[in-house]
Amino acid sequence: MPRGTIEVLLVSAKGLENTDFLNDMDPYVILICRSQEQKSSVASGKGTQPEWNESFVFTISDAASELTLKIMDSDTGTADDIVGEATVPLEPLFMEGSLPPTAYNVVKDQEFRGEIRVGLTFTPEERHDREFRVEEETYGGWKQSAYTD
């Protein structure tokens, strides 16, 4: 399984369902890769068309197969609302090395709720373990010889 780092460029979202009734929602994203979790800034008052343009780095050392993006609406005084979720498969990234910003479907309750754009870059870890290296051996030549007549 690939080991290394994944850089996620969280670009924007569009067509999101507005979970606030009186004003524009304040969306943010929770990015999850295996047990690692990171959170974007809150796009205050940006409603259904937020832009973030933020980068996040995840270290991959085991069988990571997908990146989950949970879009949330920050609410003051009450629990934050779940706007929807997008799942990004990582296999194409491991094969290509990088993927330009691409739109992924945001889903909630198995219904389309908009799309989110992210770009991905994978940097493989340099492998140093169990590397067999043949050192050039040197043998004593005439200069190093201790033989005398």
C-alpha atoms as a PDB file:
ATOM      1  CA  MET A   1       0.000   0.000   0.000  1.00  0.00           C
ATOM      2  CA  PRO A   2       1.322   3.487  -0.779  1.00  0.00           C
ATOM      3  CA  ARG A   3       3.002   5.468   1.981  1.00  0.00           C
ATOM      4  CA  GLY A   4       3.636   9.187   1.907  1.00  0.00           C
ATOM      5  CA  THR A   5       1.681  12.424   2.108  1.00  0.00           C
ATOM      6  CA  ILE A   6      -1.512  13.584   0.464  1.00  0.00           C
ATOM      7  CA  GLU A   7      -2.015  17.299  -0.002  1.00  0.00           C
ATOM      8  CA  VAL A   8      -5.662  18.265  -0.363  1.00  0.00           C
ATOM      9  CA  LEU A   9      -6.560  21.615  -1.923  1.00  0.00           C
ATOM     10  CA  LEU A  10     -10.075  22.433  -0.773  1.00  0.00           C
ATOM     11  CA  VAL A  11     -11.289  24.850  -3.453  1.00  0.00           C
ATOM     12  CA  SER A  12     -15.033  25.490  -3.274  1.00  0.00           C
ATOM     13  CA  ALA A  13     -18.537  24.056  -3.294  1.00  0.00           C
ATOM     14  CA  LYS A  14     -21.685  24.944  -5.177  1.00  0.00           C
ATOM     15  CA  GLY A  15     -25.337  24.056  -5.265  1.00  0.00           C
ATOM     16  CA  LEU A  16     -25.366  23.143  -1.588  1.00  0.00           C
ATOM     17  CA  GLU A  17     -28.667  22.941   0.216  1.00  0.00           C
ATOM     18  CA  ASN A  18     -29.087  25.916   2.564  1.00  0.00           C
ATOM     19  CA  THR A  19     -29.739  24.549   6.053  1.00  0.00           C
ATOM     20  CA  ASP A  20     -30.363  27.998   7.570  1.00  0.00           C
ATOM     21  CA  PHE A  21     -33.887  29.316   7.086  1.00  0.00           C
ATOM     22  CA  LEU A  22     -33.413  33.008   7.882  1.00  0.00           C
ATOM     23  CA  ASN A  23     -29.938  33.769   6.557  1.00  0.00           C
ATOM     24  CA  ASP A  24     -27.125  32.281   4.536  1.00  0.00           C
ATOM     25  CA  MET A  25     -25.405  29.294   6.097  1.00  0.00           C
ATOM     26  CA  ASP A  26     -21.788  29.358   7.273  1.00  0.00           C
ATOM     27  CA  PRO A  27     -20.251  26.226   5.758  1.00  0.00           C
ATOM     28  CA  TYR A  28     -17.022  24.500   6.724  1.00  0.00           C
ATOM     29  CA  VAL A  29     -15.545  21.108   5.856  1.00  0.00           C
ATOM     30  CA  ILE A  30     -14.242  18.282   8.033  1.00  0.00           C
ATOM     31  CA  LEU A  31     -11.683  16.285   6.030  1.00  0.00           C
ATOM     32  CA  ILE A  32     -11.205  12.681   7.168  1.00  0.00           C
ATOM     33  CA  CYS A  33      -8.582  10.187   6.000  1.00  0.00           C
ATOM     34  CA  ARG A  34      -8.598   6.989   8.082  1.00  0.00           C
ATOM     35  CA  SER A  35      -8.124   8.176  11.692  1.00  0.00           C
ATOM     36  CA  GLN A  36      -6.866  11.659  10.770  1.00  0.00           C
ATOM     37  CA  GLU A  37      -9.305  14.546  10.833  1.00  0.00           C
ATOM     38  CA  GLN A  38      -8.812  18.195   9.872  1.00  0.00           C
ATOM     39  CA  LYS A  39     -11.195  21.140   9.700  1.00  0.00           C
ATOM     40  CA  SER A  40     -11.376  24.047   7.267  1.00  0.00           C
ATOM     41  CA  SER A  41     -12.149  27.616   8.197  1.00  0.00           C
ATOM     42  CA  VAL A  42     -15.795  28.690   8.290  1.00  0.00           C
ATOM     43  CA  ALA A  43     -16.905  30.475   5.097  1.00  0.00           C
ATOM     44  CA  SER A  44     -19.073  32.924   7.069  1.00  0.00           C
ATOM     45  CA  GLY A  45     -22.218  33.983   5.250  1.00  0.00           C
ATOM     46  CA  LYS A  46     -21.102  32.349   2.004  1.00  0.00           C
ATOM     47  CA  GLY A  47     -24.275  30.264   1.806  1.00  0.00           C
ATOM     48  CA  THR A  48     -24.561  27.653  -0.922  1.00  0.00           C
ATOM     49  CA  GLN A  49     -21.493  28.774  -2.974  1.00  0.00           C
ATOM     50  CA  PRO A  50     -18.568  28.827  -0.480  1.00  0.00           C
ATOM     51  CA  GLU A  51     -14.904  29.199  -1.432  1.00  0.00           C
ATOM     52  CA  TRP A  52     -12.054  28.160   0.816  1.00  0.00           C
ATOM     53  CA  ASN A  53      -8.854  27.723  -1.230  1.00  0.00           C
ATOM     54  CA  GLU A  54      -7.138  26.020   1.710  1.00  0.00           C
ATOM     55  CA  SER A  55      -4.563  23.211   1.757  1.00  0.00           C
ATOM     56  CA  PHE A  56      -4.397  20.267   4.141  1.00  0.00           C
ATOM     57  CA  VAL A  57      -1.751  17.544   4.439  1.00  0.00           C
ATOM     58  CA  PHE A  58      -2.382  13.953   5.541  1.00  0.00           C
ATOM     59  CA  THR A  59       0.341  11.386   6.222  1.00  0.00           C
ATOM     60  CA  ILE A  60      -0.533   7.992   4.775  1.00  0.00           C
ATOM     61  CA  SER A  61       1.148   4.948   6.293  1.00  0.00           C
ATOM     62  CA  ASP A  62      -1.464   2.251   5.935  1.00  0.00           C
ATOM     63  CA  ALA A  63      -4.366   1.159   3.761  1.00  0.00           C
ATOM     64  CA  ALA A  64      -6.043   4.502   3.068  1.00  0.00           C
ATOM     65  CA  SER A  65      -8.510   4.059   0.212  1.00  0.00           C
ATOM     66  CA  GLU A  66     -10.649   7.198   0.422  1.00  0.00           C
ATOM     67  CA  LEU A  67     -10.918  10.739   1.683  1.00  0.00           C
ATOM     68  CA  THR A  68     -14.217  11.787   3.247  1.00  0.00           C
ATOM     69  CA  LEU A  69     -15.369  15.403   3.115  1.00  0.00           C
ATOM     70  CA  LYS A  70     -18.158  16.308   5.540  1.00  0.00           C
ATOM     71  CA  ILE A  71     -19.731  19.674   4.782  1.00  0.00           C
ATOM     72  CA  MET A  72     -21.153  21.288   7.896  1.00  0.00           C
ATOM     73  CA  ASP A  73     -23.069  24.496   8.653  1.00  0.00           C
ATOM     74  CA  SER A  74     -21.707  26.378  11.654  1.00  0.00           C
ATOM     75  CA  ASP A  75     -24.585  27.443  13.886  1.00  0.00           C
ATOM     76  CA  THR A  76     -24.339  29.668  16.944  1.00  0.00           C
ATOM     77  CA  GLY A  77     -26.200  28.381  19.966  1.00  0.00           C
ATOM     78  CA  THR A  78     -27.282  25.081  18.410  1.00  0.00           C
ATOM     79  CA  ALA A  79     -25.491  22.016  17.078  1.00  0.00           C
ATOM     80  CA  ASP A  80     -23.905  22.425  13.644  1.00  0.00           C
ATOM     81  CA  ASP A  81     -25.976  21.005  10.791  1.00  0.00           C
ATOM     82  CA  ILE A  82     -24.705  18.347   8.389  1.00  0.00           C
ATOM     83  CA  VAL A  83     -25.082  19.694   4.847  1.00  0.00           C
ATOM     84  CA  GLY A  84     -23.794  16.547   3.158  1.00  0.00           C
ATOM     85  CA  GLU A  85     -20.818  14.321   2.521  1.00  0.00           C
ATOM     86  CA  ALA A  86     -18.519  13.527  -0.403  1.00  0.00           C
ATOM     87  CA  THR A  87     -16.213  10.529  -0.760  1.00  0.00           C
ATOM     88  CA  VAL A  88     -13.052  10.814  -2.842  1.00  0.00           C
ATOM     89  CA  PRO A  89     -11.445   7.501  -3.923  1.00  0.00           C
ATOM     90  CA  LEU A  90      -7.645   7.655  -3.557  1.00  0.00           C
ATOM     91  CA  GLU A  91      -6.629   4.868  -5.978  1.00  0.00           C
ATOM     92  CA  PRO A  92      -6.566   7.217  -9.042  1.00  0.00           C
ATOM     93  CA  LEU A  93      -4.392   9.627  -7.038  1.00  0.00           C
ATOM     94  CA  PHE A  94      -1.873   6.894  -6.177  1.00  0.00           C
ATOM     95  CA  MET A  95      -1.673   5.951  -9.871  1.00  0.00           C
ATOM     96  CA  GLU A  96      -1.424   9.512 -11.277  1.00  0.00           C
ATOM     97  CA  GLY A  97       0.464  11.328  -8.500  1.00  0.00           C
ATOM     98  CA  SER A  98      -1.802  14.370  -8.685  1.00  0.00           C
ATOM     99  CA  LEU A  99      -5.360  15.207  -9.684  1.00  0.00           C
ATOM    100  CA  PRO A 100      -6.445  18.734 -10.685  1.00  0.00           C
ATOM    101  CA  PRO A 101      -9.389  20.318  -8.835  1.00  0.00           C
ATOM    102  CA  THR A 102     -12.318  18.032  -9.575  1.00  0.00           C
ATOM    103  CA  ALA A 103     -15.991  18.210  -8.578  1.00  0.00           C
ATOM    104  CA  TYR A 104     -17.315  15.433  -6.343  1.00  0.00           C
ATOM    105  CA  ASN A 105     -20.989  14.890  -5.512  1.00  0.00           C
ATOM    106  CA  VAL A 106     -22.191  15.942  -2.086  1.00  0.00           C
ATOM    107  CA  VAL A 107     -24.795  13.470  -0.803  1.00  0.00           C
ATOM    108  CA  LYS A 108     -27.104  13.427   2.208  1.00  0.00           C
ATOM    109  CA  ASP A 109     -29.684  10.707   2.852  1.00  0.00           C
ATOM    110  CA  GLN A 110     -28.719   9.186  -0.528  1.00  0.00           C
ATOM    111  CA  GLU A 111     -29.747  12.383  -2.354  1.00  0.00           C
ATOM    112  CA  PHE A 112     -27.596  14.773  -4.385  1.00  0.00           C
ATOM    113  CA  ARG A 113     -26.987  17.980  -2.381  1.00  0.00           C
ATOM    114  CA  GLY A 114     -24.472  19.845  -4.545  1.00  0.00           C
ATOM    115  CA  GLU A 115     -20.794  19.424  -5.350  1.00  0.00           C
ATOM    116  CA  ILE A 116     -17.425  20.173  -3.808  1.00  0.00           C
ATOM    117  CA  ARG A 117     -14.154  20.812  -5.687  1.00  0.00           C
ATOM    118  CA  VAL A 118     -10.846  19.478  -4.410  1.00  0.00           C
ATOM    119  CA  GLY A 119      -7.406  18.975  -5.933  1.00  0.00           C
ATOM    120  CA  LEU A 120      -5.061  16.235  -4.708  1.00  0.00           C
ATOM    121  CA  THR A 121      -1.315  15.623  -4.758  1.00  0.00           C
ATOM    122  CA  PHE A 122       0.388  12.454  -3.525  1.00  0.00           C
ATOM    123  CA  THR A 123       4.068  12.455  -2.546  1.00  0.00           C
ATOM    124  CA  PRO A 124       5.376   8.916  -1.984  1.00  0.00           C
ATOM    125  CA  GLU A 125       7.601   8.262   1.000  1.00  0.00           C
ATOM    126  CA  GLU A 126      11.202   7.540   0.092  1.00  0.00           C
ATOM    127  CA  ARG A 127      11.870   3.909   0.938  1.00  0.00           C
ATOM    128  CA  HIS A 128      15.043   3.376   2.934  1.00  0.00           C
ATOM    129  CA  ASP A 129      14.179   0.228   4.810  1.00  0.00           C
ATOM    130  CA  ARG A 130      15.906  -3.000   3.864  1.00  0.00           C
ATOM    131  CA  GLU A 131      17.720  -1.406   0.994  1.00  0.00           C
ATOM    132  CA  PHE A 132      20.645  -3.563  -0.099  1.00  0.00           C
ATOM    133  CA  ARG A 133      23.575  -1.527  -1.236  1.00  0.00           C
ATOM    134  CA  VAL A 134      26.812  -3.027  -2.537  1.00  0.00           C
ATOM    135  CA  GLU A 135      29.777  -1.016  -1.358  1.00  0.00           C
ATOM    136  CA  GLU A 136      32.744  -1.029  -3.650  1.00  0.00           C
ATOM    137  CA  GLU A 137      35.420  -3.155  -2.062  1.00  0.00           C
ATOM    138  CA  THR A 138      39.040  -2.108  -2.169  1.00  0.00           C
ATOM    139  CA  TYR A 139      41.883  -4.528  -2.141  1.00  0.00           C
ATOM    140  CA  GLY A 140      45.429  -3.671  -1.284  1.00  0.00           C
ATOM    141  CA  GLY A 141      47.340  -2.802  -4.418  1.00  0.00           C
ATOM    142  CA  TRP A 142      51.083  -2.453  -4.879  1.00  0.00           C
ATOM    143  CA  LYS A 143      51.077   0.782  -2.837  1.00  0.00           C
ATOM    144  CA  GLN A 144      49.439  -0.890   0.176  1.00  0.00           C
ATOM    145  CA  SER A 145      51.435  -4.096  -0.073  1.00  0.00           C
ATOM    146  CA  ALA A 146      53.697  -4.812   2.891  1.00  0.00           C
ATOM    147  CA  TYR A 147      55.652  -7.418   0.957  1.00  0.00           C
ATOM    148  CA  THR A 148      59.377  -6.774   0.711  1.00  0.00           C
ATOM    149  CA  ASP A 149      62.189  -8.832  -0.776  1.00  0.00           C
END
